[in-house]
Amino acid sequence: QLQLTMSEKNELTRSLEMVQNQLQEKESEIKREISEYKDRLLQAEKEHQDALTEANRKNEVEIKACHEKINSLEHFIRSQNLEIEHLKSNKEELNNSLKEANKALGELRKSKVR
């Protein structure tokens, strides 16, 4: 009976050791997988951050270009408004000169008729 019990004990001990070894192997495998997932996550986060940084840089360049274009257009509009004012003034002067010329012509015609 004792020998049978000892044999069963030895068998159970071997089974326990096998199960413990399997558990250790599984634990090592899971730790390795976790480490791989962490590495992949860090790489994905880095790529995402790099993409965001590049997108922000491009947006800043585009915004700067838009500001420069707006400033240029505002300058152009101001210069066009000044030109319009100048042309209005010239038109006014020409209209006054034309009125004076017509008046003088009218007076010349009157004096010629007499």
C-alpha atoms as a PDB file:
ATOM      1  CA  GLN A   1       0.000   0.000   0.000  1.00  0.00           C
ATOM      2  CA  LEU A   2       2.813   2.371   0.942  1.00  0.00           C
ATOM      3  CA  GLN A   3       4.630   1.612  -2.273  1.00  0.00           C
ATOM      4  CA  LEU A   4       1.474   2.272  -4.309  1.00  0.00           C
ATOM      5  CA  THR A   5       0.937   5.570  -2.480  1.00  0.00           C
ATOM      6  CA  MET A   6       4.567   6.559  -3.046  1.00  0.00           C
ATOM      7  CA  SER A   7       4.240   5.712  -6.721  1.00  0.00           C
ATOM      8  CA  GLU A   8       1.064   7.797  -6.983  1.00  0.00           C
ATOM      9  CA  LYS A   9       2.814  10.622  -5.160  1.00  0.00           C
ATOM     10  CA  ASN A  10       5.726  10.489  -7.599  1.00  0.00           C
ATOM     11  CA  GLU A  11       3.342  10.455 -10.543  1.00  0.00           C
ATOM     12  CA  LEU A  12       1.421  13.444  -9.129  1.00  0.00           C
ATOM     13  CA  THR A  13       4.701  15.267  -8.499  1.00  0.00           C
ATOM     14  CA  ARG A  14       5.772  14.707 -12.121  1.00  0.00           C
ATOM     15  CA  SER A  15       2.351  15.845 -13.338  1.00  0.00           C
ATOM     16  CA  LEU A  16       2.563  18.930 -11.114  1.00  0.00           C
ATOM     17  CA  GLU A  17       6.043  19.749 -12.448  1.00  0.00           C
ATOM     18  CA  MET A  18       4.803  19.352 -16.032  1.00  0.00           C
ATOM     19  CA  VAL A  19       1.841  21.641 -15.373  1.00  0.00           C
ATOM     20  CA  GLN A  20       4.137  24.178 -13.676  1.00  0.00           C
ATOM     21  CA  ASN A  21       6.537  24.053 -16.630  1.00  0.00           C
ATOM     22  CA  GLN A  22       3.652  24.548 -19.063  1.00  0.00           C
ATOM     23  CA  LEU A  23       2.388  27.469 -16.991  1.00  0.00           C
ATOM     24  CA  GLN A  24       5.860  29.043 -16.945  1.00  0.00           C
ATOM     25  CA  GLU A  25       6.145  28.607 -20.715  1.00  0.00           C
ATOM     26  CA  LYS A  26       2.687  30.112 -21.223  1.00  0.00           C
ATOM     27  CA  GLU A  27       3.543  32.997 -18.878  1.00  0.00           C
ATOM     28  CA  SER A  28       6.781  33.656 -20.792  1.00  0.00           C
ATOM     29  CA  GLU A  29       4.900  33.567 -24.106  1.00  0.00           C
ATOM     30  CA  ILE A  30       2.251  35.987 -22.809  1.00  0.00           C
ATOM     31  CA  LYS A  31       4.938  38.353 -21.468  1.00  0.00           C
ATOM     32  CA  ARG A  32       6.713  38.250 -24.840  1.00  0.00           C
ATOM     33  CA  GLU A  33       3.438  38.999 -26.660  1.00  0.00           C
ATOM     34  CA  ILE A  34       2.682  41.880 -24.271  1.00  0.00           C
ATOM     35  CA  SER A  35       6.147  43.272 -24.903  1.00  0.00           C
ATOM     36  CA  GLU A  36       5.629  43.001 -28.687  1.00  0.00           C
ATOM     37  CA  TYR A  37       2.225  44.734 -28.441  1.00  0.00           C
ATOM     38  CA  LYS A  38       3.741  47.519 -26.325  1.00  0.00           C
ATOM     39  CA  ASP A  39       6.517  47.990 -28.899  1.00  0.00           C
ATOM     40  CA  ARG A  40       3.974  48.096 -31.744  1.00  0.00           C
ATOM     41  CA  LEU A  41       1.814  50.541 -29.803  1.00  0.00           C
ATOM     42  CA  LEU A  42       4.792  52.824 -29.141  1.00  0.00           C
ATOM     43  CA  GLN A  43       5.759  52.673 -32.819  1.00  0.00           C
ATOM     44  CA  ALA A  44       2.181  53.475 -33.902  1.00  0.00           C
ATOM     45  CA  GLU A  45       2.025  56.377 -31.435  1.00  0.00           C
ATOM     46  CA  LYS A  46       5.354  57.710 -32.747  1.00  0.00           C
ATOM     47  CA  GLU A  47       4.181  57.450 -36.365  1.00  0.00           C
ATOM     48  CA  HIS A  48       0.904  59.167 -35.430  1.00  0.00           C
ATOM     49  CA  GLN A  49       2.762  61.972 -33.632  1.00  0.00           C
ATOM     50  CA  ASP A  50       5.136  62.371 -36.588  1.00  0.00           C
ATOM     51  CA  ALA A  51       2.168  62.588 -38.964  1.00  0.00           C
ATOM     52  CA  LEU A  52       0.484  65.187 -36.729  1.00  0.00           C
ATOM     53  CA  THR A  53       3.686  67.217 -36.515  1.00  0.00           C
ATOM     54  CA  GLU A  54       4.085  67.166 -40.304  1.00  0.00           C
ATOM     55  CA  ALA A  55       0.420  68.086 -40.835  1.00  0.00           C
ATOM     56  CA  ASN A  56       0.764  70.984 -38.387  1.00  0.00           C
ATOM     57  CA  ARG A  57       3.922  72.170 -40.140  1.00  0.00           C
ATOM     58  CA  LYS A  58       2.182  72.081 -43.529  1.00  0.00           C
ATOM     59  CA  ASN A  59      -0.844  73.906 -42.103  1.00  0.00           C
ATOM     60  CA  GLU A  60       1.385  76.620 -40.622  1.00  0.00           C
ATOM     61  CA  VAL A  61       3.121  77.089 -43.975  1.00  0.00           C
ATOM     62  CA  GLU A  62      -0.250  77.279 -45.739  1.00  0.00           C
ATOM     63  CA  ILE A  63      -1.624  79.729 -43.162  1.00  0.00           C
ATOM     64  CA  LYS A  64       1.440  81.922 -43.563  1.00  0.00           C
ATOM     65  CA  ALA A  65       1.029  81.882 -47.347  1.00  0.00           C
ATOM     66  CA  CYS A  66      -2.659  82.813 -46.968  1.00  0.00           C
ATOM     67  CA  HIS A  67      -1.785  85.715 -44.646  1.00  0.00           C
ATOM     68  CA  GLU A  68       0.776  86.948 -47.144  1.00  0.00           C
ATOM     69  CA  LYS A  69      -1.763  86.714 -49.967  1.00  0.00           C
ATOM     70  CA  ILE A  70      -4.360  88.571 -47.882  1.00  0.00           C
ATOM     71  CA  ASN A  71      -1.837  91.317 -47.110  1.00  0.00           C
ATOM     72  CA  SER A  72      -0.913  91.548 -50.785  1.00  0.00           C
ATOM     73  CA  LEU A  73      -4.581  91.752 -51.821  1.00  0.00           C
ATOM     74  CA  GLU A  74      -5.300  94.399 -49.183  1.00  0.00           C
ATOM     75  CA  HIS A  75      -2.365  96.441 -50.482  1.00  0.00           C
ATOM     76  CA  PHE A  76      -3.626  96.004 -54.058  1.00  0.00           C
ATOM     77  CA  ILE A  77      -7.145  97.104 -53.051  1.00  0.00           C
ATOM     78  CA  ARG A  78      -5.757 100.194 -51.293  1.00  0.00           C
ATOM     79  CA  SER A  79      -3.697 101.116 -54.357  1.00  0.00           C
ATOM     80  CA  GLN A  80      -6.714 100.560 -56.628  1.00  0.00           C
ATOM     81  CA  ASN A  81      -8.871 102.758 -54.397  1.00  0.00           C
ATOM     82  CA  LEU A  82      -6.222 105.498 -54.555  1.00  0.00           C
ATOM     83  CA  GLU A  83      -6.134 105.139 -58.349  1.00  0.00           C
ATOM     84  CA  ILE A  84      -9.956 105.371 -58.492  1.00  0.00           C
ATOM     85  CA  GLU A  85      -9.870 108.540 -56.390  1.00  0.00           C
ATOM     86  CA  HIS A  86      -7.156 109.969 -58.620  1.00  0.00           C
ATOM     87  CA  LEU A  87      -9.189 109.148 -61.749  1.00  0.00           C
ATOM     88  CA  LYS A  88     -12.330 110.700 -60.237  1.00  0.00           C
ATOM     89  CA  SER A  89     -10.375 113.846 -59.479  1.00  0.00           C
ATOM     90  CA  ASN A  90      -8.984 113.941 -63.031  1.00  0.00           C
ATOM     91  CA  LYS A  91     -12.479 113.387 -64.433  1.00  0.00           C
ATOM     92  CA  GLU A  92     -13.792 116.258 -62.344  1.00  0.00           C
ATOM     93  CA  GLU A  93     -10.984 118.523 -63.565  1.00  0.00           C
ATOM     94  CA  LEU A  94     -11.587 117.473 -67.185  1.00  0.00           C
ATOM     95  CA  ASN A  95     -15.331 118.084 -66.836  1.00  0.00           C
ATOM     96  CA  ASN A  96     -14.651 121.556 -65.424  1.00  0.00           C
ATOM     97  CA  SER A  97     -12.173 122.292 -68.234  1.00  0.00           C
ATOM     98  CA  LEU A  98     -14.722 121.048 -70.792  1.00  0.00           C
ATOM     99  CA  LYS A  99     -17.434 123.274 -69.308  1.00  0.00           C
ATOM    100  CA  GLU A 100     -15.089 126.272 -69.422  1.00  0.00           C
ATOM    101  CA  ALA A 101     -14.066 125.455 -73.002  1.00  0.00           C
ATOM    102  CA  ASN A 102     -17.712 125.089 -74.064  1.00  0.00           C
ATOM    103  CA  LYS A 103     -18.549 128.353 -72.357  1.00  0.00           C
ATOM    104  CA  ALA A 104     -15.641 130.094 -74.072  1.00  0.00           C
ATOM    105  CA  LEU A 105     -16.667 128.532 -77.381  1.00  0.00           C
ATOM    106  CA  GLY A 106     -20.203 129.736 -76.859  1.00  0.00           C
ATOM    107  CA  GLU A 107     -18.993 133.247 -76.148  1.00  0.00           C
ATOM    108  CA  LEU A 108     -16.734 133.170 -79.217  1.00  0.00           C
ATOM    109  CA  ARG A 109     -19.644 132.075 -81.382  1.00  0.00           C
ATOM    110  CA  LYS A 110     -21.827 134.876 -79.958  1.00  0.00           C
ATOM    111  CA  SER A 111     -19.141 137.461 -80.608  1.00  0.00           C
ATOM    112  CA  LYS A 112     -18.530 136.071 -84.091  1.00  0.00           C
ATOM    113  CA  VAL A 113     -22.216 136.242 -84.936  1.00  0.00           C
ATOM    114  CA  ARG A 114     -22.365 139.944 -83.919  1.00  0.00           C
END
